[in-house]
Amino acid sequence: MKENREISALLHLIDDPDEYVYNTVSDKIISFGKDIIPNLEHLWENTTNEELQERIESLIHRLHFRDLTNDFTAWAEGDADLLQGALLVARYHYPDLNNTTVYQEIEKLKRNIWLELNSYLTPLEQTNVIYSIIYNYYKLKGVEFAYNNPDDYLINKALESKKGNAISNGIIYLVLCEMLDVPVKAINIPRQFILAYFDPQYTVLNPAGHASEKINFYIDPLNGQMYSHKDVENYFKRIAVPPTASYFRQMNNRRIIQFLLEELAKCFDNDRNRYKMDELLSLANILDNDLPRS
């Protein structure tokens, strides 16, 4: 943004010791939007005052977050593309993220899977092709849920390091299946992020049937392992939870991204980063009104 007298005066007041003055100045700076970020970055680079640098970093973060909040609102009101939603979440931690690299990696994976798929393959054979490309050829690894490494939850870092947890790996798996018209969806099994292969013929012939009856088998996106109905029944017995129909319904994209935000927020459950936890949960709350849509 071209610097004028007003902007110059505001930038010089960022380090004002009076809290009221600083709050007034910072609100005015935020009102200019993200176009003022280069001015703030230039000021940061030309000062050695650590307190001033912290204030500048806080202002830049607030500007990025305001922009991200607007983008999340637009995403929720639109078609809620899963890959785009995952990239928005990644932008919270990496505001200058270049989406092109992610799209290129996904496209490469999609092309390799597509070359091996054909209409004569059974559901198990289709899933074995996807498993072979993602986990053997591409060598995507899984790590257990932990709240000390936010990168495990972000699709850009999962693709970059070829390592993610069940949610980030699962989103990669779901995005590819959607692109390739393979009927794999996330379901709402408690304490897990599990995928299921839905039988399209059964769904058409029995639209009112029990949700679990529409599922051929289950997939753990952490490592691509497949599970039977019996395996899932045993899991419910082990956690002492009755397997009600709601656990087997498909999670829509808004709910998947909301779940991702909620889990990512837990990485910042400490005094120093509590504001990040609150911000991520506020983004998750944006999606509450949109969950019935697919």
Protein backbone atom coordinates (compact mmCIF):
# COMPACT_ATOMS: atom_id res chain seq x y z
CA MET A 1 0.00 0.00 0.00
CA LYS A 2 1.34 3.42 -0.96
CA GLU A 3 2.34 5.21 2.21
CA ASN A 4 0.67 8.56 2.88
CA ARG A 5 0.73 10.88 5.87
CA GLU A 6 -2.05 9.02 7.68
CA ILE A 7 -0.42 5.61 7.29
CA SER A 8 3.00 7.00 8.21
CA ALA A 9 1.57 8.54 11.37
CA LEU A 10 -0.19 5.32 12.34
CA LEU A 11 2.95 3.23 11.84
CA HIS A 12 4.93 5.60 14.05
CA LEU A 13 2.35 5.20 16.82
CA ILE A 14 2.45 1.39 16.97
CA ASP A 15 4.99 1.50 19.80
CA ASP A 16 3.04 4.07 21.84
CA PRO A 17 3.15 2.96 25.51
CA ASP A 18 -0.43 4.14 26.09
CA GLU A 19 -2.62 1.04 25.66
CA TYR A 20 -5.64 3.09 24.60
CA VAL A 21 -3.63 4.83 21.89
CA TYR A 22 -2.19 1.52 20.69
CA ASN A 23 -5.62 -0.14 20.54
CA THR A 24 -7.05 2.79 18.59
CA VAL A 25 -4.10 2.79 16.19
CA SER A 26 -4.13 -0.98 15.69
CA ASP A 27 -7.89 -1.01 14.94
CA LYS A 28 -7.37 1.71 12.34
CA ILE A 29 -4.47 -0.22 10.77
CA ILE A 30 -6.58 -3.40 10.64
CA SER A 31 -9.33 -1.44 8.85
CA PHE A 32 -6.98 -0.98 5.85
CA GLY A 33 -7.00 -4.74 5.24
CA LYS A 34 -4.20 -7.01 4.05
CA ASP A 35 -2.85 -4.43 1.57
CA ILE A 36 -1.06 -2.75 4.47
CA ILE A 37 0.90 -5.90 5.38
CA PRO A 38 3.94 -4.99 3.17
CA ASN A 39 4.17 -1.64 5.02
CA LEU A 40 4.17 -3.47 8.35
CA GLU A 41 6.75 -5.99 7.14
CA HIS A 42 8.99 -3.16 5.96
CA LEU A 43 8.71 -1.50 9.37
CA TRP A 44 9.52 -4.83 11.10
CA GLU A 45 12.65 -5.27 8.98
CA ASN A 46 13.88 -1.77 9.82
CA THR A 47 13.63 -1.87 13.59
CA THR A 48 15.58 -3.68 16.29
CA ASN A 49 12.98 -2.96 18.96
CA GLU A 50 11.70 -6.42 19.96
CA GLU A 51 8.52 -5.10 21.58
CA LEU A 52 7.68 -3.16 18.43
CA GLN A 53 8.39 -6.25 16.32
CA GLU A 54 6.00 -8.29 18.49
CA ARG A 55 3.27 -5.69 18.04
CA ILE A 56 3.83 -5.68 14.28
CA GLU A 57 3.67 -9.49 14.19
CA SER A 58 0.41 -9.36 16.16
CA LEU A 59 -1.07 -6.87 13.69
CA ILE A 60 -0.03 -8.97 10.69
CA HIS A 61 -1.58 -12.04 12.32
CA ARG A 62 -4.83 -10.16 12.95
CA LEU A 63 -4.94 -9.05 9.32
CA HIS A 64 -4.35 -12.59 8.04
CA PHE A 65 -6.96 -13.97 10.43
CA ARG A 66 -9.59 -11.42 9.39
CA ASP A 67 -8.95 -12.32 5.75
CA LEU A 68 -9.11 -16.04 6.55
CA THR A 69 -12.37 -15.62 8.47
CA ASN A 70 -13.94 -13.96 5.44
CA ASP A 71 -12.68 -16.76 3.18
CA PHE A 72 -14.07 -19.44 5.51
CA THR A 73 -17.46 -17.73 5.53
CA ALA A 74 -17.47 -17.65 1.72
CA TRP A 75 -16.35 -21.30 1.59
CA ALA A 76 -19.15 -22.40 3.94
CA GLU A 77 -21.72 -20.53 1.87
CA GLY A 78 -20.42 -22.02 -1.40
CA ASP A 79 -19.97 -25.61 -2.55
CA ALA A 80 -17.51 -26.38 0.28
CA ASP A 81 -14.88 -28.16 -1.80
CA LEU A 82 -12.92 -30.41 0.57
CA LEU A 83 -9.45 -29.68 -0.79
CA GLN A 84 -10.08 -25.95 -0.72
CA GLY A 85 -11.31 -26.23 2.88
CA ALA A 86 -8.19 -28.13 3.94
CA LEU A 87 -6.02 -25.47 2.28
CA LEU A 88 -7.86 -22.74 4.18
CA VAL A 89 -7.06 -24.53 7.45
CA ALA A 90 -3.40 -24.80 6.41
CA ARG A 91 -3.37 -21.06 5.71
CA TYR A 92 -3.99 -20.36 9.40
CA HIS A 93 -0.50 -21.69 10.17
CA TYR A 94 1.05 -20.80 6.79
CA PRO A 95 -0.63 -17.58 5.60
CA ASP A 96 1.62 -17.32 2.53
CA LEU A 97 0.92 -20.89 1.43
CA ASN A 98 1.24 -21.51 -2.30
CA ASN A 99 -1.70 -23.75 -3.23
CA THR A 100 -0.19 -24.67 -6.58
CA THR A 101 2.26 -27.19 -5.11
CA VAL A 102 -0.55 -28.99 -3.26
CA TYR A 103 -2.75 -29.13 -6.36
CA GLN A 104 0.18 -30.50 -8.40
CA GLU A 105 0.86 -33.29 -5.88
CA ILE A 106 -2.81 -34.24 -5.71
CA GLU A 107 -3.07 -34.24 -9.50
CA LYS A 108 0.01 -36.48 -9.74
CA LEU A 109 -1.53 -38.97 -7.31
CA LYS A 110 -4.89 -38.85 -9.10
CA ARG A 111 -3.28 -39.55 -12.47
CA ASN A 112 -1.32 -42.54 -11.16
CA ILE A 113 -4.43 -44.06 -9.55
CA TRP A 114 -6.59 -43.36 -12.62
CA LEU A 115 -4.15 -45.26 -14.85
CA GLU A 116 -4.69 -48.39 -12.72
CA LEU A 117 -8.46 -48.14 -12.30
CA ASN A 118 -11.12 -49.50 -14.66
CA SER A 119 -14.87 -50.13 -14.50
CA TYR A 120 -14.43 -53.89 -14.11
CA LEU A 121 -12.65 -53.75 -10.75
CA THR A 122 -14.51 -54.80 -7.62
CA PRO A 123 -14.70 -52.38 -4.65
CA LEU A 124 -11.88 -54.29 -2.94
CA GLU A 125 -9.74 -54.19 -6.08
CA GLN A 126 -10.36 -50.45 -6.48
CA THR A 127 -9.37 -49.86 -2.88
CA ASN A 128 -6.24 -51.98 -3.27
CA VAL A 129 -5.19 -49.83 -6.25
CA ILE A 130 -5.65 -46.66 -4.20
CA TYR A 131 -3.77 -48.22 -1.27
CA SER A 132 -0.91 -49.30 -3.51
CA ILE A 133 -0.43 -45.84 -5.04
CA ILE A 134 -0.85 -43.73 -1.90
CA TYR A 135 0.93 -45.86 0.69
CA ASN A 136 3.37 -47.99 -1.34
CA TYR A 137 4.27 -45.93 -4.42
CA TYR A 138 3.87 -42.42 -2.94
CA LYS A 139 4.96 -43.74 0.50
CA LEU A 140 2.56 -41.67 2.58
CA LYS A 141 3.12 -42.60 6.23
CA GLY A 142 0.77 -42.30 9.19
CA VAL A 143 1.43 -40.90 12.64
CA GLU A 144 -0.85 -41.29 15.64
CA PHE A 145 -2.91 -38.39 16.95
CA ALA A 146 -0.77 -36.02 19.01
CA TYR A 147 -1.22 -32.40 19.96
CA ASN A 148 2.42 -31.30 19.99
CA ASN A 149 2.86 -30.99 16.22
CA PRO A 150 0.26 -28.93 14.30
CA ASP A 151 1.89 -29.85 10.97
CA ASP A 152 0.50 -33.40 11.29
CA TYR A 153 -3.00 -31.95 10.68
CA LEU A 154 -2.19 -29.83 7.62
CA ILE A 155 -2.54 -31.16 4.09
CA ASN A 156 0.38 -29.14 2.68
CA LYS A 157 2.79 -30.55 5.30
CA ALA A 158 1.44 -34.10 4.95
CA LEU A 159 2.17 -33.95 1.21
CA GLU A 160 5.51 -32.23 1.70
CA SER A 161 6.82 -34.63 4.37
CA LYS A 162 4.73 -37.62 3.18
CA LYS A 163 3.58 -38.01 6.77
CA GLY A 164 0.28 -37.13 8.38
CA ASN A 165 -2.25 -38.29 10.92
CA ALA A 166 -5.59 -39.94 10.17
CA ILE A 167 -7.30 -36.62 9.41
CA SER A 168 -4.74 -35.13 7.00
CA ASN A 169 -4.11 -38.48 5.31
CA GLY A 170 -7.85 -39.10 5.26
CA ILE A 171 -8.57 -35.80 3.53
CA ILE A 172 -5.99 -36.64 0.86
CA TYR A 173 -7.67 -40.05 0.40
CA LEU A 174 -11.17 -38.52 0.24
CA VAL A 175 -10.15 -35.79 -2.23
CA LEU A 176 -8.68 -38.41 -4.57
CA CYS A 177 -11.75 -40.65 -4.30
CA GLU A 178 -14.03 -37.72 -5.07
CA MET A 179 -11.97 -36.84 -8.14
CA LEU A 180 -12.06 -40.47 -9.32
CA ASP A 181 -15.75 -41.13 -8.52
CA VAL A 182 -14.89 -43.83 -6.00
CA PRO A 183 -17.69 -43.91 -3.34
CA VAL A 184 -15.52 -43.61 -0.23
CA LYS A 185 -16.75 -41.23 2.49
CA ALA A 186 -15.80 -40.29 6.04
CA ILE A 187 -18.14 -41.54 8.76
CA ASN A 188 -18.78 -40.41 12.30
CA ILE A 189 -17.41 -43.32 14.36
CA PRO A 190 -16.45 -42.00 17.83
CA ARG A 191 -12.80 -41.30 18.70
CA GLN A 192 -11.68 -42.16 15.16
CA PHE A 193 -11.44 -40.70 11.68
CA ILE A 194 -12.51 -43.66 9.56
CA LEU A 195 -13.56 -43.95 5.92
CA ALA A 196 -16.14 -46.30 4.45
CA TYR A 197 -16.77 -47.66 0.96
CA PHE A 198 -20.48 -47.11 0.26
CA ASP A 199 -22.17 -49.57 -2.11
CA PRO A 200 -23.78 -47.28 -4.73
CA GLN A 201 -26.23 -49.96 -5.91
CA TYR A 202 -27.50 -50.70 -2.41
CA THR A 203 -27.90 -46.98 -1.74
CA VAL A 204 -30.05 -46.56 -4.88
CA LEU A 205 -32.19 -49.65 -4.21
CA ASN A 206 -32.54 -49.09 -0.45
CA PRO A 207 -32.35 -45.35 0.21
CA ALA A 208 -34.06 -45.79 3.58
CA GLY A 209 -31.91 -48.73 4.64
CA HIS A 210 -29.73 -48.75 7.75
CA ALA A 211 -26.62 -46.66 7.14
CA SER A 212 -24.19 -49.48 8.00
CA GLU A 213 -25.88 -51.80 5.47
CA LYS A 214 -24.84 -49.43 2.68
CA ILE A 215 -21.17 -49.89 3.61
CA ASN A 216 -19.08 -52.66 2.01
CA PHE A 217 -16.04 -52.21 4.29
CA TYR A 218 -14.07 -49.63 6.23
CA ILE A 219 -10.68 -48.00 5.63
CA ASP A 220 -8.22 -46.57 8.13
CA PRO A 221 -6.65 -43.59 6.29
CA LEU A 222 -3.71 -43.61 8.67
CA ASN A 223 -2.20 -46.55 6.78
CA GLY A 224 -4.84 -47.68 4.26
CA GLN A 225 -5.77 -50.83 6.20
CA MET A 226 -9.25 -52.21 5.51
CA TYR A 227 -11.67 -53.40 8.19
CA SER A 228 -14.78 -55.59 8.07
CA HIS A 229 -18.15 -55.02 9.74
CA LYS A 230 -17.07 -57.51 12.41
CA ASP A 231 -13.94 -55.47 13.16
CA VAL A 232 -16.06 -52.36 13.67
CA GLU A 233 -18.57 -54.25 15.84
CA ASN A 234 -15.70 -55.41 18.04
CA TYR A 235 -14.44 -51.82 18.28
CA PHE A 236 -17.80 -50.63 19.58
CA LYS A 237 -17.83 -53.45 22.14
CA ARG A 238 -14.33 -52.51 23.27
CA ILE A 239 -15.26 -48.86 23.87
CA ALA A 240 -18.65 -49.87 25.35
CA VAL A 241 -20.67 -47.65 23.01
CA PRO A 242 -23.84 -48.88 21.24
CA PRO A 243 -23.35 -48.68 17.42
CA THR A 244 -26.27 -46.39 16.54
CA ALA A 245 -27.09 -45.46 12.93
CA SER A 246 -25.75 -41.90 13.29
CA TYR A 247 -22.19 -43.23 13.57
CA PHE A 248 -22.38 -44.72 10.07
CA ARG A 249 -23.74 -41.69 8.23
CA GLN A 250 -21.51 -39.84 5.83
CA MET A 251 -19.79 -36.75 7.16
CA ASN A 252 -20.17 -33.85 4.76
CA ASN A 253 -17.22 -31.63 3.85
CA ARG A 254 -18.22 -28.90 6.28
CA ARG A 255 -18.24 -31.34 9.18
CA ILE A 256 -14.87 -32.82 8.13
CA ILE A 257 -13.25 -29.38 8.07
CA GLN A 258 -14.95 -28.43 11.33
CA PHE A 259 -13.54 -31.60 12.93
CA LEU A 260 -10.08 -30.77 11.54
CA LEU A 261 -10.25 -27.27 13.05
CA GLU A 262 -11.41 -28.62 16.42
CA GLU A 263 -8.59 -31.15 16.57
CA LEU A 264 -5.96 -28.67 15.36
CA ALA A 265 -7.11 -26.22 18.06
CA LYS A 266 -6.08 -28.74 20.73
CA CYS A 267 -2.45 -28.23 19.67
CA PHE A 268 -2.62 -24.74 21.19
CA ASP A 269 -4.22 -25.58 24.53
CA ASN A 270 -1.66 -23.71 26.63
CA ASP A 271 -1.34 -20.24 28.14
CA ARG A 272 1.01 -18.92 25.47
CA ASN A 273 -1.10 -20.00 22.49
CA ARG A 274 -4.62 -19.93 23.90
CA TYR A 275 -5.59 -17.16 21.47
CA LYS A 276 -4.80 -19.52 18.57
CA MET A 277 -7.04 -22.18 20.06
CA ASP A 278 -9.84 -19.63 20.41
CA GLU A 279 -9.37 -18.40 16.83
CA LEU A 280 -9.46 -21.91 15.36
CA LEU A 281 -12.60 -22.74 17.33
CA SER A 282 -14.19 -19.52 16.10
CA LEU A 283 -13.52 -20.68 12.53
CA ALA A 284 -15.07 -24.05 13.38
CA ASN A 285 -18.16 -22.26 14.71
CA ILE A 286 -18.64 -20.54 11.34
CA LEU A 287 -19.49 -23.96 9.91
CA ASP A 288 -22.17 -24.82 12.49
CA ASN A 289 -25.02 -23.33 10.50
CA ASP A 290 -24.00 -25.17 7.35
CA LEU A 291 -23.60 -28.75 8.53
CA PRO A 292 -26.86 -30.12 7.06
CA ARG A 293 -25.60 -29.43 3.55
CA SER A 294 -23.30 -31.86 1.75
